[in-house]
Amino acid sequence: MNKEFELLVKMNTTTLQDQTIWRKKYAEFKDIYKNKEVELNSLITKKNEIKLKVNKFNIFIETLKKGELITDFDEAIFNFNLEKAIVHKDKSITFKFYSGFETTIKAEE
């Protein structure tokens, strides 16, 4: 696409062009560029999220390698392993973990 755009600009500077057609083609390239830029930014965001998860996972692995037994609730470890929590209309909560484990806690009245 970049070469096509360069050719479009070069043709406009060296050859008499119908400016209405040229502007339309230029606008098409501009839209394509904007869409690709949005897509790139989305991919960069996803990449950074994955890097953050990898870093957290490596910290978790290092903690496990130390051989320390976890006997108390650890919020950091819980949050690290939790993929999502779904709150239902009946006020119960389903916890889904990255490991595939899933549990639902019923609300107490």
Protein backbone atom coordinates (compact mmCIF):
# COMPACT_ATOMS: atom_id res chain seq x y z
CA MET A 1 0.00 0.00 0.00
CA ASN A 2 2.84 2.37 0.81
CA LYS A 3 4.20 2.14 -2.75
CA GLU A 4 0.73 2.77 -4.16
CA PHE A 5 0.41 5.87 -2.00
CA GLU A 6 3.85 7.14 -3.06
CA LEU A 7 2.93 6.57 -6.70
CA LEU A 8 -0.34 8.45 -6.23
CA VAL A 9 1.49 11.45 -4.75
CA LYS A 10 4.23 11.33 -7.42
CA MET A 11 1.68 11.19 -10.23
CA ASN A 12 -0.11 14.20 -8.78
CA THR A 13 3.09 16.23 -8.71
CA THR A 14 4.34 15.26 -12.18
CA THR A 15 1.19 14.69 -14.24
CA LEU A 16 -2.01 16.65 -14.59
CA GLN A 17 -4.66 14.76 -12.57
CA ASP A 18 -8.39 15.08 -12.09
CA GLN A 19 -8.26 16.41 -8.51
CA THR A 20 -11.70 15.05 -7.60
CA ILE A 21 -10.59 11.50 -8.44
CA TRP A 22 -7.19 12.06 -6.83
CA ARG A 23 -8.71 13.35 -3.57
CA LYS A 24 -11.09 10.38 -3.47
CA LYS A 25 -8.23 7.92 -3.90
CA TYR A 26 -6.16 9.84 -1.31
CA ALA A 27 -9.08 9.68 1.17
CA GLU A 28 -9.31 5.91 0.63
CA PHE A 29 -5.62 5.49 1.45
CA LYS A 30 -6.00 7.76 4.46
CA ASP A 31 -8.89 5.64 5.79
CA ILE A 32 -6.92 2.44 5.25
CA TYR A 33 -3.98 3.98 7.14
CA LYS A 34 -6.18 5.09 10.06
CA ASN A 35 -7.75 1.62 10.33
CA LYS A 36 -4.34 -0.04 10.29
CA GLU A 37 -3.12 2.42 12.93
CA VAL A 38 -6.06 1.57 15.20
CA GLU A 39 -5.40 -2.14 14.64
CA LEU A 40 -1.70 -1.67 15.43
CA ASN A 41 -2.47 0.21 18.65
CA SER A 42 -4.87 -2.54 19.69
CA LEU A 43 -2.20 -5.18 19.06
CA ILE A 44 0.38 -3.15 21.01
CA THR A 45 -2.04 -2.94 23.95
CA LYS A 46 -2.67 -6.70 23.82
CA LYS A 47 1.08 -7.34 23.63
CA ASN A 48 1.69 -5.18 26.71
CA GLU A 49 -1.09 -6.98 28.60
CA ILE A 50 0.49 -10.33 27.73
CA LYS A 51 3.92 -9.07 28.84
CA LEU A 52 2.44 -7.99 32.17
CA LYS A 53 0.82 -11.41 32.65
CA VAL A 54 4.11 -13.13 31.79
CA ASN A 55 5.96 -10.99 34.35
CA LYS A 56 3.37 -11.77 37.02
CA PHE A 57 3.52 -15.45 36.16
CA ASN A 58 7.34 -15.45 36.42
CA ILE A 59 7.12 -13.82 39.85
CA PHE A 60 4.59 -16.46 40.88
CA ILE A 61 6.87 -19.26 39.61
CA GLU A 62 9.83 -17.83 41.53
CA THR A 63 7.71 -17.74 44.69
CA LEU A 64 6.79 -21.39 44.19
CA LYS A 65 10.43 -22.34 43.56
CA LYS A 66 11.33 -21.00 46.99
CA GLY A 67 9.25 -23.85 48.36
CA GLU A 68 7.29 -21.74 50.77
CA LEU A 69 4.01 -23.34 51.76
CA ILE A 70 1.06 -21.01 51.38
CA THR A 71 -1.22 -21.54 54.36
CA ASP A 72 -3.06 -18.21 54.48
CA PHE A 73 -5.15 -16.45 51.91
CA ASP A 74 -2.89 -14.38 49.67
CA GLU A 75 -4.77 -11.69 47.76
CA ALA A 76 -1.97 -11.22 45.22
CA ILE A 77 -1.85 -14.92 44.36
CA PHE A 78 -5.65 -15.08 44.19
CA ASN A 79 -5.85 -12.07 41.88
CA PHE A 80 -3.01 -13.40 39.74
CA ASN A 81 -4.81 -16.68 39.12
CA LEU A 82 -8.32 -15.25 38.75
CA GLU A 83 -9.45 -14.81 35.15
CA LYS A 84 -12.80 -13.25 36.01
CA ALA A 85 -15.56 -13.08 38.59
CA ILE A 86 -19.19 -13.06 37.48
CA VAL A 87 -21.83 -11.62 39.80
CA HIS A 88 -25.23 -13.16 39.19
CA LYS A 89 -28.71 -11.70 39.78
CA ASP A 90 -29.12 -13.89 42.86
CA LYS A 91 -25.96 -12.21 44.23
CA SER A 92 -23.90 -15.39 43.96
CA ILE A 93 -20.43 -15.04 42.42
CA THR A 94 -18.76 -17.44 40.01
CA PHE A 95 -14.96 -17.33 40.06
CA LYS A 96 -13.19 -18.55 36.92
CA PHE A 97 -9.46 -19.18 37.13
CA TYR A 98 -6.89 -19.37 34.35
CA SER A 99 -6.31 -23.03 35.23
CA GLY A 100 -9.87 -23.82 34.13
CA PHE A 101 -11.10 -24.30 37.71
CA GLU A 102 -14.45 -22.66 38.38
CA THR A 103 -16.41 -22.28 41.59
CA THR A 104 -19.61 -20.51 42.56
CA ILE A 105 -20.19 -18.97 45.97
CA LYS A 106 -23.85 -18.61 46.94
CA ALA A 107 -24.96 -15.39 48.55
CA GLU A 108 -25.99 -15.61 52.17
CA GLU A 109 -29.22 -13.93 53.15
